[in-house]
Amino acid sequence: MDQHWRGRNIKTLWGIVVLGIAYSSLLYYQHTLTGTDRVDGIIGVVLGLYICSHPAANLLDMLFFRRGARRQFPSKRSTLLWLALNMLVLLIGWIVIFLGTTRLVGRAD
C-alpha cells in the first residue's frame, strides 16, 4: 500500500493557498469575475471544495498510512508545521466556500 502515499506536497499546498487568496482578492476588488453572481458563486464553491480536499487527503494519509508518515516526519516540530500548513489551507478553503456560497445565494437578480 505504499503506492498510495503521496508524501508532503508543500509546493502544491502553497499554490492552492495562492489560488484561494487570488480568488478572494479578485472578488473583493472587482466585485465579480464573470459578471454573474451565480457563476461566481459556483466557481467559489467548487474551488473551495477542491482547496479543502488536499488537507483532508493529507490527514487521511497520516491516519491510515503511518509507515509513510514516520519516514516523512523526522521530528515533532516538522509534524506540527505540516499540520499548521494544512490547517491554513483548510481555513482558506472554508473562506472561499463561504464567499462562493454568499455570492451564490446572497443577491437577488
PDB file of N, CA and C in Angstrom:
ATOM      1  N   MET A   1       0.794  -1.196   0.000  1.00  0.00           N
ATOM      2  CA  MET A   1       0.000   0.000   0.000  1.00  0.00           C
ATOM      3  C   MET A   1       0.836   1.259   0.000  1.00  0.00           C
ATOM      4  N   ASP A   2       2.121   1.152  -0.144  1.00  0.00           N
ATOM      5  CA  ASP A   2       2.962   2.341  -0.164  1.00  0.00           C
ATOM      6  C   ASP A   2       2.758   3.183  -1.414  1.00  0.00           C
ATOM      7  N   GLN A   3       2.149   2.614  -2.458  1.00  0.00           N
ATOM      8  CA  GLN A   3       1.936   3.393  -3.665  1.00  0.00           C
ATOM      9  C   GLN A   3       0.897   4.488  -3.452  1.00  0.00           C
ATOM     10  N   HIS A   4       0.089   4.392  -2.393  1.00  0.00           N
ATOM     11  CA  HIS A   4      -0.910   5.411  -2.116  1.00  0.00           C
ATOM     12  C   HIS A   4      -0.314   6.618  -1.396  1.00  0.00           C
ATOM     13  N   TRP A   5       0.847   6.488  -0.821  1.00  0.00           N
ATOM     14  CA  TRP A   5       1.456   7.588  -0.071  1.00  0.00           C
ATOM     15  C   TRP A   5       1.995   8.626  -1.034  1.00  0.00           C
ATOM     16  N   ARG A   6       1.508   9.838  -0.924  1.00  0.00           N
ATOM     17  CA  ARG A   6       1.904  10.899  -1.832  1.00  0.00           C
ATOM     18  C   ARG A   6       3.032  11.741  -1.288  1.00  0.00           C
ATOM     19  N   GLY A   7       3.312  11.603  -0.022  1.00  0.00           N
ATOM     20  CA  GLY A   7       4.368  12.407   0.573  1.00  0.00           C
ATOM     21  C   GLY A   7       3.897  13.814   0.880  1.00  0.00           C
ATOM     22  N   ARG A   8       4.816  14.641   1.379  1.00  0.00           N
ATOM     23  CA  ARG A   8       4.480  16.021   1.704  1.00  0.00           C
ATOM     24  C   ARG A   8       4.606  16.864   0.455  1.00  0.00           C
ATOM     25  N   ASN A   9       3.515  17.421   0.022  1.00  0.00           N
ATOM     26  CA  ASN A   9       3.500  18.235  -1.185  1.00  0.00           C
ATOM     27  C   ASN A   9       3.317  19.706  -0.801  1.00  0.00           C
ATOM     28  N   ILE A  10       4.369  20.278  -0.259  1.00  0.00           N
ATOM     29  CA  ILE A  10       4.327  21.643   0.256  1.00  0.00           C
ATOM     30  C   ILE A  10       4.101  22.648  -0.872  1.00  0.00           C
ATOM     31  N   LYS A  11       4.729  22.450  -2.015  1.00  0.00           N
ATOM     32  CA  LYS A  11       4.550  23.377  -3.138  1.00  0.00           C
ATOM     33  C   LYS A  11       3.107  23.391  -3.614  1.00  0.00           C
ATOM     34  N   THR A  12       2.480  22.234  -3.640  1.00  0.00           N
ATOM     35  CA  THR A  12       1.079  22.162  -4.042  1.00  0.00           C
ATOM     36  C   THR A  12       0.199  22.910  -3.061  1.00  0.00           C
ATOM     37  N   LEU A  13       0.448  22.728  -1.773  1.00  0.00           N
ATOM     38  CA  LEU A  13      -0.361  23.417  -0.772  1.00  0.00           C
ATOM     39  C   LEU A  13      -0.196  24.935  -0.861  1.00  0.00           C
ATOM     40  N   TRP A  14       1.029  25.408  -1.045  1.00  0.00           N
ATOM     41  CA  TRP A  14       1.237  26.847  -1.163  1.00  0.00           C
ATOM     42  C   TRP A  14       0.612  27.380  -2.453  1.00  0.00           C
ATOM     43  N   GLY A  15       0.648  26.608  -3.522  1.00  0.00           N
ATOM     44  CA  GLY A  15      -0.007  27.006  -4.765  1.00  0.00           C
ATOM     45  C   GLY A  15      -1.509  27.131  -4.596  1.00  0.00           C
ATOM     46  N   ILE A  16      -2.090  26.214  -3.836  1.00  0.00           N
ATOM     47  CA  ILE A  16      -3.519  26.259  -3.574  1.00  0.00           C
ATOM     48  C   ILE A  16      -3.866  27.459  -2.691  1.00  0.00           C
ATOM     49  N   VAL A  17      -2.997  27.777  -1.736  1.00  0.00           N
ATOM     50  CA  VAL A  17      -3.205  28.966  -0.893  1.00  0.00           C
ATOM     51  C   VAL A  17      -3.226  30.218  -1.765  1.00  0.00           C
ATOM     52  N   VAL A  18      -2.290  30.316  -2.681  1.00  0.00           N
ATOM     53  CA  VAL A  18      -2.225  31.469  -3.573  1.00  0.00           C
ATOM     54  C   VAL A  18      -3.480  31.541  -4.443  1.00  0.00           C
ATOM     55  N   LEU A  19      -3.954  30.397  -4.925  1.00  0.00           N
ATOM     56  CA  LEU A  19      -5.158  30.354  -5.748  1.00  0.00           C
ATOM     57  C   LEU A  19      -6.386  30.830  -4.964  1.00  0.00           C
ATOM     58  N   GLY A  20      -6.517  30.379  -3.734  1.00  0.00           N
ATOM     59  CA  GLY A  20      -7.641  30.809  -2.902  1.00  0.00           C
ATOM     60  C   GLY A  20      -7.590  32.293  -2.577  1.00  0.00           C
ATOM     61  N   ILE A  21      -6.403  32.785  -2.262  1.00  0.00           N
ATOM     62  CA  ILE A  21      -6.252  34.215  -1.973  1.00  0.00           C
ATOM     63  C   ILE A  21      -6.510  35.047  -3.224  1.00  0.00           C
ATOM     64  N   ALA A  22      -6.075  34.563  -4.384  1.00  0.00           N
ATOM     65  CA  ALA A  22      -6.320  35.285  -5.635  1.00  0.00           C
ATOM     66  C   ALA A  22      -7.815  35.373  -5.931  1.00  0.00           C
ATOM     67  N   TYR A  23      -8.544  34.274  -5.742  1.00  0.00           N
ATOM     68  CA  TYR A  23      -9.995  34.298  -5.959  1.00  0.00           C
ATOM     69  C   TYR A  23     -10.665  35.293  -5.007  1.00  0.00           C
ATOM     70  N   SER A  24     -10.299  35.229  -3.736  1.00  0.00           N
ATOM     71  CA  SER A  24     -10.900  36.126  -2.745  1.00  0.00           C
ATOM     72  C   SER A  24     -10.563  37.584  -3.051  1.00  0.00           C
ATOM     73  N   SER A  25      -9.338  37.845  -3.435  1.00  0.00           N
ATOM     74  CA  SER A  25      -8.918  39.215  -3.747  1.00  0.00           C
ATOM     75  C   SER A  25      -9.637  39.753  -4.978  1.00  0.00           C
ATOM     76  N   LEU A  26      -9.776  38.926  -5.998  1.00  0.00           N
ATOM     77  CA  LEU A  26     -10.478  39.373  -7.199  1.00  0.00           C
ATOM     78  C   LEU A  26     -11.928  39.713  -6.900  1.00  0.00           C
ATOM     79  N   LEU A  27     -12.573  38.901  -6.076  1.00  0.00           N
ATOM     80  CA  LEU A  27     -13.958  39.213  -5.712  1.00  0.00           C
ATOM     81  C   LEU A  27     -14.035  40.481  -4.870  1.00  0.00           C
ATOM     82  N   TYR A  28     -13.063  40.686  -4.022  1.00  0.00           N
ATOM     83  CA  TYR A  28     -13.088  41.863  -3.158  1.00  0.00           C
ATOM     84  C   TYR A  28     -12.865  43.149  -3.951  1.00  0.00           C
ATOM     85  N   TYR A  29     -11.883  43.134  -4.855  1.00  0.00           N
ATOM     86  CA  TYR A  29     -11.533  44.358  -5.566  1.00  0.00           C
ATOM     87  C   TYR A  29     -12.379  44.599  -6.807  1.00  0.00           C
ATOM     88  N   GLN A  30     -12.735  43.550  -7.545  1.00  0.00           N
ATOM     89  CA  GLN A  30     -13.506  43.737  -8.777  1.00  0.00           C
ATOM     90  C   GLN A  30     -15.002  43.478  -8.579  1.00  0.00           C
ATOM     91  N   HIS A  31     -15.368  42.868  -7.469  1.00  0.00           N
ATOM     92  CA  HIS A  31     -16.750  42.559  -7.120  1.00  0.00           C
ATOM     93  C   HIS A  31     -17.389  41.509  -8.019  1.00  0.00           C
ATOM     94  N   THR A  32     -16.722  41.068  -9.043  1.00  0.00           N
ATOM     95  CA  THR A  32     -17.232  39.995  -9.893  1.00  0.00           C
ATOM     96  C   THR A  32     -16.096  39.431 -10.732  1.00  0.00           C
ATOM     97  N   LEU A  33     -16.227  38.176 -11.101  1.00  0.00           N
ATOM     98  CA  LEU A  33     -15.258  37.563 -12.011  1.00  0.00           C
ATOM     99  C   LEU A  33     -15.835  37.426 -13.402  1.00  0.00           C
ATOM    100  N   THR A  34     -17.081  36.987 -13.459  1.00  0.00           N
ATOM    101  CA  THR A  34     -17.706  36.704 -14.744  1.00  0.00           C
ATOM    102  C   THR A  34     -18.835  37.656 -15.080  1.00  0.00           C
ATOM    103  N   GLY A  35     -19.239  38.479 -14.139  1.00  0.00           N
ATOM    104  CA  GLY A  35     -20.361  39.371 -14.355  1.00  0.00           C
ATOM    105  C   GLY A  35     -21.678  38.809 -13.850  1.00  0.00           C
ATOM    106  N   THR A  36     -21.703  37.545 -13.489  1.00  0.00           N
ATOM    107  CA  THR A  36     -22.902  36.902 -12.984  1.00  0.00           C
ATOM    108  C   THR A  36     -22.609  36.339 -11.601  1.00  0.00           C
ATOM    109  N   ASP A  37     -23.409  36.731 -10.625  1.00  0.00           N
ATOM    110  CA  ASP A  37     -23.184  36.269  -9.252  1.00  0.00           C
ATOM    111  C   ASP A  37     -23.316  34.756  -9.128  1.00  0.00           C
ATOM    112  N   ARG A  38     -24.255  34.178  -9.841  1.00  0.00           N
ATOM    113  CA  ARG A  38     -24.468  32.727  -9.765  1.00  0.00           C
ATOM    114  C   ARG A  38     -23.227  31.962 -10.251  1.00  0.00           C
ATOM    115  N   VAL A  39     -22.652  32.370 -11.343  1.00  0.00           N
ATOM    116  CA  VAL A  39     -21.452  31.684 -11.867  1.00  0.00           C
ATOM    117  C   VAL A  39     -20.267  31.918 -10.944  1.00  0.00           C
ATOM    118  N   ASP A  40     -20.118  33.147 -10.436  1.00  0.00           N
ATOM    119  CA  ASP A  40     -19.050  33.429  -9.481  1.00  0.00           C
ATOM    120  C   ASP A  40     -19.178  32.557  -8.239  1.00  0.00           C
ATOM    121  N   GLY A  41     -20.422  32.370  -7.770  1.00  0.00           N
ATOM    122  CA  GLY A  41     -20.659  31.531  -6.599  1.00  0.00           C
ATOM    123  C   GLY A  41     -20.342  30.071  -6.855  1.00  0.00           C
ATOM    124  N   ILE A  42     -20.731  29.576  -8.010  1.00  0.00           N
ATOM    125  CA  ILE A  42     -20.435  28.171  -8.351  1.00  0.00           C
ATOM    126  C   ILE A  42     -18.934  27.958  -8.427  1.00  0.00           C
ATOM    127  N   ILE A  43     -18.223  28.882  -9.049  1.00  0.00           N
ATOM    128  CA  ILE A  43     -16.762  28.785  -9.128  1.00  0.00           C
ATOM    129  C   ILE A  43     -16.163  28.779  -7.730  1.00  0.00           C
ATOM    130  N   GLY A  44     -16.665  29.657  -6.854  1.00  0.00           N
ATOM    131  CA  GLY A  44     -16.134  29.738  -5.498  1.00  0.00           C
ATOM    132  C   GLY A  44     -16.365  28.468  -4.696  1.00  0.00           C
ATOM    133  N   VAL A  45     -17.565  27.907  -4.780  1.00  0.00           N
ATOM    134  CA  VAL A  45     -17.859  26.696  -4.018  1.00  0.00           C
ATOM    135  C   VAL A  45     -17.019  25.526  -4.525  1.00  0.00           C
ATOM    136  N   VAL A  46     -16.939  25.355  -5.820  1.00  0.00           N
ATOM    137  CA  VAL A  46     -16.146  24.248  -6.379  1.00  0.00           C
ATOM    138  C   VAL A  46     -14.661  24.435  -6.061  1.00  0.00           C
ATOM    139  N   LEU A  47     -14.164  25.661  -6.196  1.00  0.00           N
ATOM    140  CA  LEU A  47     -12.763  25.930  -5.874  1.00  0.00           C
ATOM    141  C   LEU A  47     -12.492  25.698  -4.390  1.00  0.00           C
ATOM    142  N   GLY A  48     -13.400  26.130  -3.532  1.00  0.00           N
ATOM    143  CA  GLY A  48     -13.227  25.919  -2.100  1.00  0.00           C
ATOM    144  C   GLY A  48     -13.229  24.443  -1.724  1.00  0.00           C
ATOM    145  N   LEU A  49     -14.108  23.671  -2.339  1.00  0.00           N
ATOM    146  CA  LEU A  49     -14.116  22.230  -2.084  1.00  0.00           C
ATOM    147  C   LEU A  49     -12.823  21.574  -2.563  1.00  0.00           C
ATOM    148  N   TYR A  50     -12.312  22.030  -3.699  1.00  0.00           N
ATOM    149  CA  TYR A  50     -11.039  21.500  -4.191  1.00  0.00           C
ATOM    150  C   TYR A  50      -9.904  21.850  -3.232  1.00  0.00           C
ATOM    151  N   ILE A  51      -9.901  23.081  -2.741  1.00  0.00           N
ATOM    152  CA  ILE A  51      -8.851  23.511  -1.806  1.00  0.00           C
ATOM    153  C   ILE A  51      -8.924  22.680  -0.525  1.00  0.00           C
ATOM    154  N   CYS A  52     -10.119  22.466  -0.009  1.00  0.00           N
ATOM    155  CA  CYS A  52     -10.278  21.704   1.235  1.00  0.00           C
ATOM    156  C   CYS A  52      -9.971  20.222   1.066  1.00  0.00           C
ATOM    157  N   SER A  53     -10.036  19.714  -0.146  1.00  0.00           N
ATOM    158  CA  SER A  53      -9.796  18.282  -0.348  1.00  0.00           C
ATOM    159  C   SER A  53      -8.340  17.897  -0.095  1.00  0.00           C
ATOM    160  N   HIS A  54      -7.413  18.778  -0.333  1.00  0.00           N
ATOM    161  CA  HIS A  54      -5.999  18.443  -0.136  1.00  0.00           C
ATOM    162  C   HIS A  54      -5.627  18.237   1.328  1.00  0.00           C
ATOM    163  N   PRO A  55      -5.995  19.143   2.246  1.00  0.00           N
ATOM    164  CA  PRO A  55      -5.692  18.860   3.652  1.00  0.00           C
ATOM    165  C   PRO A  55      -6.430  17.622   4.170  1.00  0.00           C
ATOM    166  N   ALA A  56      -7.651  17.407   3.681  1.00  0.00           N
ATOM    167  CA  ALA A  56      -8.383  16.212   4.108  1.00  0.00           C
ATOM    168  C   ALA A  56      -7.669  14.943   3.648  1.00  0.00           C
ATOM    169  N   ALA A  57      -7.176  14.944   2.427  1.00  0.00           N
ATOM    170  CA  ALA A  57      -6.436  13.784   1.925  1.00  0.00           C
ATOM    171  C   ALA A  57      -5.133  13.589   2.696  1.00  0.00           C
ATOM    172  N   ASN A  58      -4.470  14.683   3.046  1.00  0.00           N
ATOM    173  CA  ASN A  58      -3.235  14.572   3.815  1.00  0.00           C
ATOM    174  C   ASN A  58      -3.492  14.001   5.202  1.00  0.00           C
ATOM    175  N   LEU A  59      -4.594  14.408   5.820  1.00  0.00           N
ATOM    176  CA  LEU A  59      -4.948  13.867   7.133  1.00  0.00           C
ATOM    177  C   LEU A  59      -5.239  12.375   7.046  1.00  0.00           C
ATOM    178  N   LEU A  60      -5.978  11.965   6.037  1.00  0.00           N
ATOM    179  CA  LEU A  60      -6.257  10.538   5.866  1.00  0.00           C
ATOM    180  C   LEU A  60      -4.980   9.749   5.608  1.00  0.00           C
ATOM    181  N   ASP A  61      -4.082  10.318   4.828  1.00  0.00           N
ATOM    182  CA  ASP A  61      -2.794   9.653   4.608  1.00  0.00           C
ATOM    183  C   ASP A  61      -2.040   9.472   5.918  1.00  0.00           C
ATOM    184  N   MET A  62      -2.046  10.501   6.758  1.00  0.00           N
ATOM    185  CA  MET A  62      -1.330  10.396   8.030  1.00  0.00           C
ATOM    186  C   MET A  62      -1.981   9.374   8.956  1.00  0.00           C
ATOM    187  N   LEU A  63      -3.309   9.293   8.930  1.00  0.00           N
ATOM    188  CA  LEU A  63      -4.002   8.371   9.822  1.00  0.00           C
ATOM    189  C   LEU A  63      -3.889   6.921   9.379  1.00  0.00           C
ATOM    190  N   PHE A  64      -4.009   6.675   8.093  1.00  0.00           N
ATOM    191  CA  PHE A  64      -4.085   5.300   7.617  1.00  0.00           C
ATOM    192  C   PHE A  64      -2.768   4.739   7.100  1.00  0.00           C
ATOM    193  N   PHE A  65      -1.851   5.573   6.711  1.00  0.00           N
ATOM    194  CA  PHE A  65      -0.569   5.105   6.181  1.00  0.00           C
ATOM    195  C   PHE A  65       0.555   5.600   7.080  1.00  0.00           C
ATOM    196  N   ARG A  66       0.580   5.134   8.304  1.00  0.00           N
ATOM    197  CA  ARG A  66       1.537   5.620   9.306  1.00  0.00           C
ATOM    198  C   ARG A  66       2.982   5.302   8.946  1.00  0.00           C
ATOM    199  N   ARG A  67       3.208   4.237   8.224  1.00  0.00           N
ATOM    200  CA  ARG A  67       4.594   3.911   7.861  1.00  0.00           C
ATOM    201  C   ARG A  67       5.218   5.026   7.045  1.00  0.00           C
ATOM    202  N   GLY A  68       4.470   5.561   6.089  1.00  0.00           N
ATOM    203  CA  GLY A  68       4.969   6.674   5.295  1.00  0.00           C
ATOM    204  C   GLY A  68       5.108   7.941   6.107  1.00  0.00           C
ATOM    205  N   ALA A  69       4.234   8.121   7.068  1.00  0.00           N
ATOM    206  CA  ALA A  69       4.296   9.328   7.901  1.00  0.00           C
ATOM    207  C   ALA A  69       5.561   9.351   8.741  1.00  0.00           C
ATOM    208  N   ARG A  70       5.974   8.225   9.234  1.00  0.00           N
ATOM    209  CA  ARG A  70       7.203   8.196  10.046  1.00  0.00           C
ATOM    210  C   ARG A  70       8.427   8.528   9.204  1.00  0.00           C
ATOM    211  N   ARG A  71       8.405   8.127   7.946  1.00  0.00           N
ATOM    212  CA  ARG A  71       9.522   8.472   7.071  1.00  0.00           C
ATOM    213  C   ARG A  71       9.522   9.954   6.735  1.00  0.00           C
ATOM    214  N   GLN A  72       8.350  10.517   6.559  1.00  0.00           N
ATOM    215  CA  GLN A  72       8.245  11.901   6.120  1.00  0.00           C
ATOM    216  C   GLN A  72       8.437  12.912   7.244  1.00  0.00           C
ATOM    217  N   PHE A  73       8.145  12.529   8.482  1.00  0.00           N
ATOM    218  CA  PHE A  73       8.210  13.460   9.598  1.00  0.00           C
ATOM    219  C   PHE A  73       9.276  13.009  10.587  1.00  0.00           C
ATOM    220  N   PRO A  74      10.480  13.535  10.454  1.00  0.00           N
ATOM    221  CA  PRO A  74      11.556  13.103  11.347  1.00  0.00           C
ATOM    222  C   PRO A  74      11.429  13.639  12.770  1.00  0.00           C
ATOM    223  N   SER A  75      10.705  14.734  12.969  1.00  0.00           N
ATOM    224  CA  SER A  75      10.589  15.297  14.318  1.00  0.00           C
ATOM    225  C   SER A  75       9.161  15.766  14.565  1.00  0.00           C
ATOM    226  N   LYS A  76       8.868  16.022  15.835  1.00  0.00           N
ATOM    227  CA  LYS A  76       7.543  16.524  16.188  1.00  0.00           C
ATOM    228  C   LYS A  76       7.331  17.942  15.658  1.00  0.00           C
ATOM    229  N   ARG A  77       8.409  18.712  15.592  1.00  0.00           N
ATOM    230  CA  ARG A  77       8.284  20.081  15.091  1.00  0.00           C
ATOM    231  C   ARG A  77       7.856  20.094  13.629  1.00  0.00           C
ATOM    232  N   SER A  78       8.458  19.246  12.814  1.00  0.00           N
ATOM    233  CA  SER A  78       8.072  19.202  11.402  1.00  0.00           C
ATOM    234  C   SER A  78       6.641  18.698  11.240  1.00  0.00           C
ATOM    235  N   THR A  79       6.226  17.795  12.114  1.00  0.00           N
ATOM    236  CA  THR A  79       4.846  17.324  12.077  1.00  0.00           C
ATOM    237  C   THR A  79       3.885  18.460  12.410  1.00  0.00           C
ATOM    238  N   LEU A  80       4.202  19.245  13.426  1.00  0.00           N
ATOM    239  CA  LEU A  80       3.345  20.367  13.807  1.00  0.00           C
ATOM    240  C   LEU A  80       3.294  21.438  12.723  1.00  0.00           C
ATOM    241  N   LEU A  81       4.417  21.722  12.082  1.00  0.00           N
ATOM    242  CA  LEU A  81       4.435  22.695  10.986  1.00  0.00           C
ATOM    243  C   LEU A  81       3.609  22.201   9.807  1.00  0.00           C
ATOM    244  N   TRP A  82       3.705  20.918   9.510  1.00  0.00           N
ATOM    245  CA  TRP A  82       2.926  20.324   8.427  1.00  0.00           C
ATOM    246  C   TRP A  82       1.425  20.420   8.735  1.00  0.00           C
ATOM    247  N   LEU A  83       1.048  20.125   9.959  1.00  0.00           N
ATOM    248  CA  LEU A  83      -0.357  20.226  10.344  1.00  0.00           C
ATOM    249  C   LEU A  83      -0.837  21.681  10.319  1.00  0.00           C
ATOM    250  N   ALA A  84       0.020  22.622  10.737  1.00  0.00           N
ATOM    251  CA  ALA A  84      -0.346  24.037  10.698  1.00  0.00           C
ATOM    252  C   ALA A  84      -0.576  24.506   9.267  1.00  0.00           C
ATOM    253  N   LEU A  85       0.268  24.076   8.343  1.00  0.00           N
ATOM    254  CA  LEU A  85       0.087  24.434   6.938  1.00  0.00           C
ATOM    255  C   LEU A  85      -1.217  23.853   6.405  1.00  0.00           C
ATOM    256  N   ASN A  86      -1.517  22.628   6.761  1.00  0.00           N
ATOM    257  CA  ASN A  86      -2.767  22.014   6.324  1.00  0.00           C
ATOM    258  C   ASN A  86      -3.971  22.742   6.907  1.00  0.00           C
ATOM    259  N   MET A  87      -3.885  23.180   8.153  1.00  0.00           N
ATOM    260  CA  MET A  87      -4.984  23.930   8.761  1.00  0.00           C
ATOM    261  C   MET A  87      -5.161  25.288   8.074  1.00  0.00           C
ATOM    262  N   LEU A  88      -4.062  25.929   7.682  1.00  0.00           N
ATOM    263  CA  LEU A  88      -4.142  27.190   6.947  1.00  0.00           C
ATOM    264  C   LEU A  88      -4.857  26.985   5.615  1.00  0.00           C
ATOM    265  N   VAL A  89      -4.489  25.938   4.906  1.00  0.00           N
ATOM    266  CA  VAL A  89      -5.120  25.651   3.618  1.00  0.00           C
ATOM    267  C   VAL A  89      -6.604  25.348   3.821  1.00  0.00           C
ATOM    268  N   LEU A  90      -6.930  24.606   4.864  1.00  0.00           N
ATOM    269  CA  LEU A  90      -8.329  24.289   5.150  1.00  0.00           C
ATOM    270  C   LEU A  90      -9.118  25.560   5.475  1.00  0.00           C
ATOM    271  N   LEU A  91      -8.534  26.463   6.241  1.00  0.00           N
ATOM    272  CA  LEU A  91      -9.189  27.729   6.573  1.00  0.00           C
ATOM    273  C   LEU A  91      -9.444  28.555   5.316  1.00  0.00           C
ATOM    274  N   ILE A  92      -8.469  28.642   4.445  1.00  0.00           N
ATOM    275  CA  ILE A  92      -8.644  29.397   3.205  1.00  0.00           C
ATOM    276  C   ILE A  92      -9.712  28.742   2.332  1.00  0.00           C
ATOM    277  N   GLY A  93      -9.741  27.419   2.309  1.00  0.00           N
ATOM    278  CA  GLY A  93     -10.788  26.727   1.561  1.00  0.00           C
ATOM    279  C   GLY A  93     -12.171  27.043   2.102  1.00  0.00           C
ATOM    280  N   TRP A  94     -12.314  27.084   3.433  1.00  0.00           N
ATOM    281  CA  TRP A  94     -13.602  27.434   4.029  1.00  0.00           C
ATOM    282  C   TRP A  94     -14.003  28.862   3.693  1.00  0.00           C
ATOM    283  N   ILE A  95     -13.042  29.758   3.693  1.00  0.00           N
ATOM    284  CA  ILE A  95     -13.334  31.154   3.344  1.00  0.00           C
ATOM    285  C   ILE A  95     -13.821  31.247   1.906  1.00  0.00           C
ATOM    286  N   VAL A  96     -13.169  30.523   1.005  1.00  0.00           N
ATOM    287  CA  VAL A  96     -13.569  30.542  -0.403  1.00  0.00           C
ATOM    288  C   VAL A  96     -14.963  29.941  -0.563  1.00  0.00           C
ATOM    289  N   ILE A  97     -15.253  28.852   0.154  1.00  0.00           N
ATOM    290  CA  ILE A  97     -16.593  28.266   0.105  1.00  0.00           C
ATOM    291  C   ILE A  97     -17.622  29.265   0.628  1.00  0.00           C
ATOM    292  N   PHE A  98     -17.304  29.944   1.725  1.00  0.00           N
ATOM    293  CA  PHE A  98     -18.229  30.943   2.288  1.00  0.00           C
ATOM    294  C   PHE A  98     -18.484  32.072   1.298  1.00  0.00           C
ATOM    295  N   LEU A  99     -17.421  32.583   0.694  1.00  0.00           N
ATOM    296  CA  LEU A  99     -17.593  33.664  -0.279  1.00  0.00           C
ATOM    297  C   LEU A  99     -18.411  33.197  -1.484  1.00  0.00           C
ATOM    298  N   GLY A 100     -18.132  31.998  -1.953  1.00  0.00           N
ATOM    299  CA  GLY A 100     -18.889  31.472  -3.085  1.00  0.00           C
ATOM    300  C   GLY A 100     -20.346  31.252  -2.743  1.00  0.00           C
ATOM    301  N   THR A 101     -20.611  30.749  -1.546  1.00  0.00           N
ATOM    302  CA  THR A 101     -21.989  30.497  -1.134  1.00  0.00           C
ATOM    303  C   THR A 101     -22.759  31.795  -0.982  1.00  0.00           C
ATOM    304  N   THR A 102     -22.151  32.799  -0.361  1.00  0.00           N
ATOM    305  CA  THR A 102     -22.839  34.081  -0.217  1.00  0.00           C
ATOM    306  C   THR A 102     -23.047  34.738  -1.572  1.00  0.00           C
ATOM    307  N   ARG A 103     -22.126  34.550  -2.481  1.00  0.00           N
ATOM    308  CA  ARG A 103     -22.278  35.092  -3.835  1.00  0.00           C
ATOM    309  C   ARG A 103     -23.385  34.343  -4.575  1.00  0.00           C
ATOM    310  N   LEU A 104     -23.500  33.057  -4.289  1.00  0.00           N
ATOM    311  CA  LEU A 104     -24.483  32.218  -4.985  1.00  0.00           C
ATOM    312  C   LEU A 104     -25.908  32.519  -4.528  1.00  0.00           C
ATOM    313  N   VAL A 105     -26.113  32.693  -3.237  1.00  0.00           N
ATOM    314  CA  VAL A 105     -27.483  32.854  -2.730  1.00  0.00           C
ATOM    315  C   VAL A 105     -27.742  34.221  -2.119  1.00  0.00           C
ATOM    316  N   GLY A 106     -26.756  35.074  -2.044  1.00  0.00           N
ATOM    317  CA  GLY A 106     -26.891  36.326  -1.320  1.00  0.00           C
ATOM    318  C   GLY A 106     -27.670  37.406  -2.013  1.00  0.00           C
ATOM    319  N   ARG A 107     -27.596  37.502  -3.300  1.00  0.00           N
ATOM    320  CA  ARG A 107     -28.232  38.614  -4.014  1.00  0.00           C
ATOM    321  C   ARG A 107     -29.344  38.094  -4.927  1.00  0.00           C
ATOM    322  N   ALA A 108     -30.379  38.853  -5.009  1.00  0.00           N
ATOM    323  CA  ALA A 108     -31.463  38.517  -5.940  1.00  0.00           C
ATOM    324  C   ALA A 108     -31.249  39.300  -7.226  1.00  0.00           C
ATOM    325  N   ASP A 109     -31.338  38.601  -8.342  1.00  0.00           N
ATOM    326  CA  ASP A 109     -31.142  39.259  -9.650  1.00  0.00           C
ATOM    327  C   ASP A 109     -32.410  39.877 -10.148  1.00  0.00           C
TER     328      ASP A 109
END
